[in-house]
Amino acid sequence: MKKRTLFGLGVLLVLSTSLAACGKESQAQTQKEEGKVITVGTGNAYRPFVYLDENNELQGYDVEVMKEIDKKLPDYQFKYESMDFKNILTALSAGKVDFAGHQYEYNDERAKKYLYGKVGYTDYTLYIAANKDASTYTSLDTLAGKKVFTSPGSNAAYLLEQYNQNHSTKIDIVYNEATQEVLVKGLQNGTADAALLTKYDVDKLNKEFSAELVTNTKPINESKTYFVFKKGDQELADKVDKALQELIDEGKLSELSKKILGADYTK
């Protein structure tokens, strides 16, 4: 009887050890298949680039681009954290997210703190936009003494702030954190004289609000948008860039732009 009992205990011990080992192997396999979790910081109110729909689900061009990148990176699994635009880079600095995706343009001040990707994914050339007539605004110099709308933390704000630091006659910067409708009405009623916008934004606002915003013909800058990483995360940045370049070469990026933005705004 004692021998049978010992034998039974031995079998149970072997089975338990085997099951535990199988469990660990299964867990490891699952983790390998899912990949390392990469938390992406993005926004929630910049339609159609990134926004929350009626079901509180993230949607938009930037989101779809990042999903396509994720498909090409089996070692990673992207998880998205949406927040107010002004908080995204703060979260990146604090290590709460691994990289940021929200139509970020390059500027020198940000580049001192963060690592920019090298492959751009949307044209973000800025123009001076005004209600009905922007012909008198041909450069930032012509905005001196004028009230100009911009979003805090944006590249447009950076350009305006840099101008004021280097000139005695300042541009009156009007920071706008409200809706795009408020921006349009502000330009229409004289709350501001102008704004720095992309051609895409002007086309969209005119269509959505039956506005008559126009731009000067000469751009203020020539820019693209990039993903932004923590300093030192070169490996992650390189892999994202590689996947993004493949999407460009395959025509997938252009396809997404046409489908979501209405035209190819990738070039």
Protein backbone atom coordinates (compact mmCIF):
# COMPACT_ATOMS: atom_id res chain seq x y z
CA MET A 1 0.00 0.00 0.00
CA LYS A 2 2.80 2.40 0.91
CA LYS A 3 4.58 1.64 -2.38
CA ARG A 4 1.38 2.32 -4.34
CA THR A 5 0.89 5.58 -2.50
CA LEU A 6 4.47 6.69 -3.15
CA PHE A 7 4.16 5.69 -6.77
CA GLY A 8 0.92 7.68 -7.10
CA LEU A 9 2.50 10.74 -5.50
CA GLY A 10 5.45 10.40 -7.87
CA VAL A 11 3.16 10.32 -10.89
CA LEU A 12 1.25 13.37 -9.65
CA LEU A 13 4.52 15.22 -9.07
CA VAL A 14 5.73 14.43 -12.58
CA LEU A 15 2.38 15.47 -14.06
CA SER A 16 2.33 18.69 -12.07
CA THR A 17 5.88 19.54 -13.15
CA SER A 18 5.07 18.76 -16.78
CA LEU A 19 1.89 20.84 -16.72
CA ALA A 20 3.75 23.76 -15.12
CA ALA A 21 6.46 23.52 -17.77
CA CYS A 22 3.86 23.38 -20.53
CA GLY A 23 2.10 26.37 -19.02
CA LYS A 24 5.31 28.40 -19.02
CA GLU A 25 6.09 27.38 -22.59
CA SER A 26 2.57 28.29 -23.70
CA GLN A 27 2.80 31.66 -21.94
CA ALA A 28 6.20 32.34 -23.50
CA GLN A 29 4.88 31.36 -26.93
CA THR A 30 1.89 33.67 -26.51
CA GLN A 31 4.14 36.55 -25.48
CA LYS A 32 6.40 35.87 -28.46
CA GLU A 33 3.43 35.82 -30.84
CA GLU A 34 1.97 39.02 -29.39
CA GLY A 35 5.33 40.81 -29.24
CA LYS A 36 6.65 43.40 -26.86
CA VAL A 37 3.97 45.92 -25.94
CA ILE A 38 4.76 49.40 -27.26
CA THR A 39 2.56 52.18 -25.88
CA VAL A 40 1.84 54.88 -28.44
CA GLY A 41 0.77 58.32 -27.25
CA THR A 42 -1.73 60.05 -29.51
CA GLY A 43 -4.59 62.55 -29.42
CA ASN A 44 -8.35 62.39 -29.33
CA ALA A 45 -9.82 65.42 -31.11
CA TYR A 46 -8.04 66.10 -34.42
CA ARG A 47 -10.47 64.72 -36.98
CA PRO A 48 -9.77 63.02 -39.40
CA PHE A 49 -6.15 62.40 -38.31
CA VAL A 50 -6.84 61.06 -34.84
CA TYR A 51 -10.08 61.21 -32.87
CA LEU A 52 -12.51 59.24 -30.73
CA ASP A 53 -15.70 58.08 -32.44
CA GLU A 54 -19.17 57.73 -30.89
CA ASN A 55 -18.07 54.43 -29.33
CA ASN A 56 -14.99 56.06 -27.78
CA GLU A 57 -12.76 54.13 -30.20
CA LEU A 58 -9.68 55.69 -31.78
CA GLN A 59 -10.04 56.43 -35.48
CA GLY A 60 -8.25 58.45 -38.15
CA TYR A 61 -5.42 58.58 -40.64
CA ASP A 62 -2.57 58.55 -38.10
CA VAL A 63 -4.17 55.62 -36.29
CA GLU A 64 -4.51 53.59 -39.50
CA VAL A 65 -0.91 54.34 -40.47
CA MET A 66 0.30 53.12 -37.08
CA LYS A 67 -1.83 49.97 -37.35
CA GLU A 68 -0.23 49.19 -40.73
CA ILE A 69 3.23 49.75 -39.23
CA ASP A 70 2.36 47.42 -36.35
CA LYS A 71 1.45 44.68 -38.84
CA LYS A 72 4.97 44.86 -40.25
CA LEU A 73 6.63 44.59 -36.83
CA PRO A 74 5.92 41.12 -35.38
CA ASP A 75 8.29 41.77 -32.47
CA TYR A 76 6.03 44.57 -31.25
CA GLN A 77 2.41 44.95 -30.26
CA PHE A 78 1.15 48.55 -30.29
CA LYS A 79 -1.19 49.77 -27.55
CA TYR A 80 -2.67 53.26 -27.89
CA GLU A 81 -3.12 55.89 -25.19
CA SER A 82 -5.21 58.88 -26.28
CA MET A 83 -4.96 62.20 -24.49
CA ASP A 84 -5.07 65.95 -25.06
CA PHE A 85 -2.50 67.01 -27.65
CA LYS A 86 -0.59 69.22 -25.19
CA ASN A 87 -0.02 66.24 -22.86
CA ILE A 88 1.40 63.74 -25.36
CA LEU A 89 5.05 64.80 -25.34
CA THR A 90 4.90 65.31 -21.58
CA ALA A 91 3.83 61.67 -21.30
CA LEU A 92 6.71 60.69 -23.60
CA SER A 93 9.19 62.54 -21.38
CA ALA A 94 7.77 60.81 -18.30
CA GLY A 95 8.12 57.38 -19.90
CA LYS A 96 4.36 56.77 -19.89
CA VAL A 97 4.40 56.17 -23.65
CA ASP A 98 7.12 54.78 -25.93
CA PHE A 99 6.57 57.06 -28.89
CA ALA A 100 4.18 59.77 -30.08
CA GLY A 101 2.06 59.91 -33.22
CA HIS A 102 0.00 63.05 -33.81
CA GLN A 103 1.05 64.93 -36.96
CA TYR A 104 4.29 66.20 -35.37
CA GLU A 105 6.43 68.46 -37.50
CA TYR A 106 10.14 68.90 -36.92
CA ASN A 107 11.45 71.88 -35.00
CA ASP A 108 14.82 72.49 -33.36
CA GLU A 109 13.44 72.96 -29.85
CA ARG A 110 11.68 69.59 -29.84
CA ALA A 111 14.70 67.90 -31.41
CA LYS A 112 16.78 68.86 -28.37
CA LYS A 113 14.45 66.80 -26.16
CA TYR A 114 13.22 64.04 -28.42
CA LEU A 115 14.30 61.73 -31.23
CA TYR A 116 12.52 62.30 -34.51
CA GLY A 117 11.90 59.55 -37.04
CA LYS A 118 13.57 60.14 -40.40
CA VAL A 119 10.66 59.17 -42.66
CA GLY A 120 7.81 61.66 -42.97
CA TYR A 121 4.25 60.52 -43.57
CA THR A 122 2.15 63.64 -44.26
CA ASP A 123 2.89 66.93 -45.96
CA TYR A 124 2.49 69.70 -43.38
CA THR A 125 3.61 72.79 -45.25
CA LEU A 126 2.10 75.86 -43.58
CA TYR A 127 0.46 78.84 -45.27
CA ILE A 128 -0.98 82.08 -43.97
CA ALA A 129 -4.77 81.73 -44.07
CA ALA A 130 -7.31 84.51 -43.69
CA ASN A 131 -11.00 85.08 -44.26
CA LYS A 132 -11.74 85.92 -47.93
CA ASP A 133 -8.44 87.72 -48.62
CA ALA A 134 -4.90 86.75 -47.64
CA SER A 135 -3.11 88.59 -50.45
CA THR A 136 -1.59 91.17 -48.09
CA TYR A 137 0.03 88.44 -45.99
CA THR A 138 3.05 87.20 -47.89
CA SER A 139 5.45 86.39 -45.03
CA LEU A 140 5.68 86.39 -41.26
CA ASP A 141 6.89 89.99 -41.47
CA THR A 142 3.50 91.02 -42.86
CA LEU A 143 1.85 89.51 -39.75
CA ALA A 144 3.72 91.83 -37.36
CA GLY A 145 1.17 93.72 -35.29
CA LYS A 146 -1.61 91.35 -36.42
CA LYS A 147 -3.57 88.85 -34.35
CA VAL A 148 -2.79 85.30 -35.43
CA PHE A 149 -4.54 82.12 -34.26
CA THR A 150 -2.45 79.09 -33.31
CA SER A 151 -2.66 75.99 -31.12
CA PRO A 152 -0.33 75.89 -28.10
CA GLY A 153 2.50 73.41 -28.57
CA SER A 154 2.09 73.26 -32.35
CA ASN A 155 4.82 73.91 -34.89
CA ALA A 156 2.89 76.97 -36.05
CA ALA A 157 3.07 78.32 -32.50
CA TYR A 158 6.81 77.61 -32.46
CA LEU A 159 7.37 79.57 -35.69
CA LEU A 160 5.38 82.54 -34.38
CA GLU A 161 7.14 82.49 -31.00
CA GLN A 162 10.55 82.29 -32.67
CA TYR A 163 9.64 85.26 -34.83
CA ASN A 164 8.67 87.35 -31.77
CA GLN A 165 11.93 86.49 -30.03
CA ASN A 166 13.91 87.92 -32.93
CA HIS A 167 11.85 90.99 -33.85
CA SER A 168 10.92 94.19 -32.04
CA THR A 169 7.49 94.47 -33.67
CA LYS A 170 5.66 91.38 -32.43
CA ILE A 171 2.95 89.20 -33.86
CA ASP A 172 -0.05 89.15 -31.50
CA ILE A 173 -0.36 85.40 -30.95
CA VAL A 174 -3.88 84.25 -30.06
CA TYR A 175 -3.69 80.75 -28.59
CA ASN A 176 -6.73 78.69 -29.50
CA GLU A 177 -7.48 75.40 -27.72
CA ALA A 178 -11.12 75.35 -28.77
CA THR A 179 -12.80 73.67 -31.71
CA GLN A 180 -12.09 74.25 -35.38
CA GLU A 181 -15.47 75.94 -35.64
CA VAL A 182 -14.28 78.54 -33.12
CA LEU A 183 -11.17 79.10 -35.25
CA VAL A 184 -13.25 79.70 -38.38
CA LYS A 185 -15.69 82.05 -36.62
CA GLY A 186 -12.77 83.89 -35.03
CA LEU A 187 -11.26 84.58 -38.46
CA GLN A 188 -14.67 85.64 -39.75
CA ASN A 189 -15.51 88.03 -36.91
CA GLY A 190 -12.06 89.55 -36.47
CA THR A 191 -11.03 87.83 -33.25
CA ALA A 192 -7.91 87.06 -35.26
CA ASP A 193 -6.62 88.35 -38.58
CA ALA A 194 -4.98 85.16 -39.79
CA ALA A 195 -3.84 81.65 -38.91
CA LEU A 196 -1.06 79.34 -40.04
CA LEU A 197 -2.69 76.32 -41.65
CA THR A 198 -2.00 73.58 -44.16
CA LYS A 199 -3.79 73.53 -47.50
CA TYR A 200 -5.59 70.41 -46.29
CA ASP A 201 -6.90 72.24 -43.20
CA VAL A 202 -8.13 75.17 -45.29
CA ASP A 203 -9.93 72.89 -47.75
CA LYS A 204 -11.49 70.91 -44.91
CA LEU A 205 -12.66 73.97 -42.93
CA ASN A 206 -14.14 75.62 -46.01
CA LYS A 207 -16.08 72.48 -46.85
CA GLU A 208 -17.20 71.67 -43.32
CA PHE A 209 -18.27 75.17 -42.29
CA SER A 210 -19.08 76.75 -45.69
CA ALA A 211 -16.29 79.23 -44.99
CA GLU A 212 -14.26 81.37 -47.39
CA LEU A 213 -10.77 80.96 -46.00
CA VAL A 214 -7.96 81.56 -48.48
CA THR A 215 -4.17 81.25 -48.34
CA ASN A 216 -1.30 83.23 -49.73
CA THR A 217 0.44 81.43 -52.57
CA LYS A 218 3.86 81.23 -50.91
CA PRO A 219 4.34 78.73 -48.04
CA ILE A 220 5.81 79.86 -44.74
CA ASN A 221 7.80 76.64 -44.50
CA GLU A 222 8.07 73.24 -46.09
CA SER A 223 7.46 70.46 -43.64
CA LYS A 224 6.32 66.90 -43.10
CA THR A 225 5.02 65.09 -40.05
CA TYR A 226 7.07 62.47 -38.22
CA PHE A 227 6.77 60.07 -35.33
CA VAL A 228 8.59 61.20 -32.17
CA PHE A 229 10.56 58.92 -29.82
CA LYS A 230 12.50 59.16 -26.58
CA LYS A 231 16.17 60.02 -26.87
CA GLY A 232 18.14 56.79 -27.10
CA ASP A 233 15.33 54.69 -28.58
CA GLN A 234 17.09 54.49 -31.94
CA GLU A 235 16.26 50.81 -32.51
CA LEU A 236 12.52 51.41 -32.17
CA ALA A 237 12.71 54.54 -34.33
CA ASP A 238 14.65 52.70 -37.06
CA LYS A 239 12.18 49.81 -37.15
CA VAL A 240 9.19 52.14 -37.36
CA ASP A 241 10.93 54.14 -40.12
CA LYS A 242 11.70 50.97 -42.07
CA ALA A 243 8.09 49.78 -41.89
CA LEU A 244 6.83 53.25 -42.82
CA GLN A 245 9.13 53.43 -45.85
CA GLU A 246 7.81 50.03 -46.99
CA LEU A 247 4.25 51.39 -46.79
CA ILE A 248 5.29 54.36 -48.93
CA ASP A 249 7.03 52.15 -51.49
CA GLU A 250 4.02 49.83 -51.67
CA GLY A 251 1.62 52.73 -52.24
CA LYS A 252 -0.29 51.88 -49.05
CA LEU A 253 0.34 55.27 -47.43
CA SER A 254 -0.99 57.11 -50.48
CA GLU A 255 -4.00 54.78 -50.49
CA LEU A 256 -4.80 55.56 -46.84
CA SER A 257 -4.46 59.31 -47.46
CA LYS A 258 -6.86 59.22 -50.41
CA LYS A 259 -9.34 57.07 -48.52
CA ILE A 260 -9.35 59.05 -45.25
CA LEU A 261 -8.17 62.56 -46.19
CA GLY A 262 -9.72 62.72 -49.66
CA ALA A 263 -6.47 63.15 -51.63
CA ASP A 264 -2.80 62.20 -51.53
CA TYR A 265 -1.30 64.47 -48.86
CA THR A 266 1.76 62.28 -48.36
CA LYS A 267 4.04 64.14 -50.80
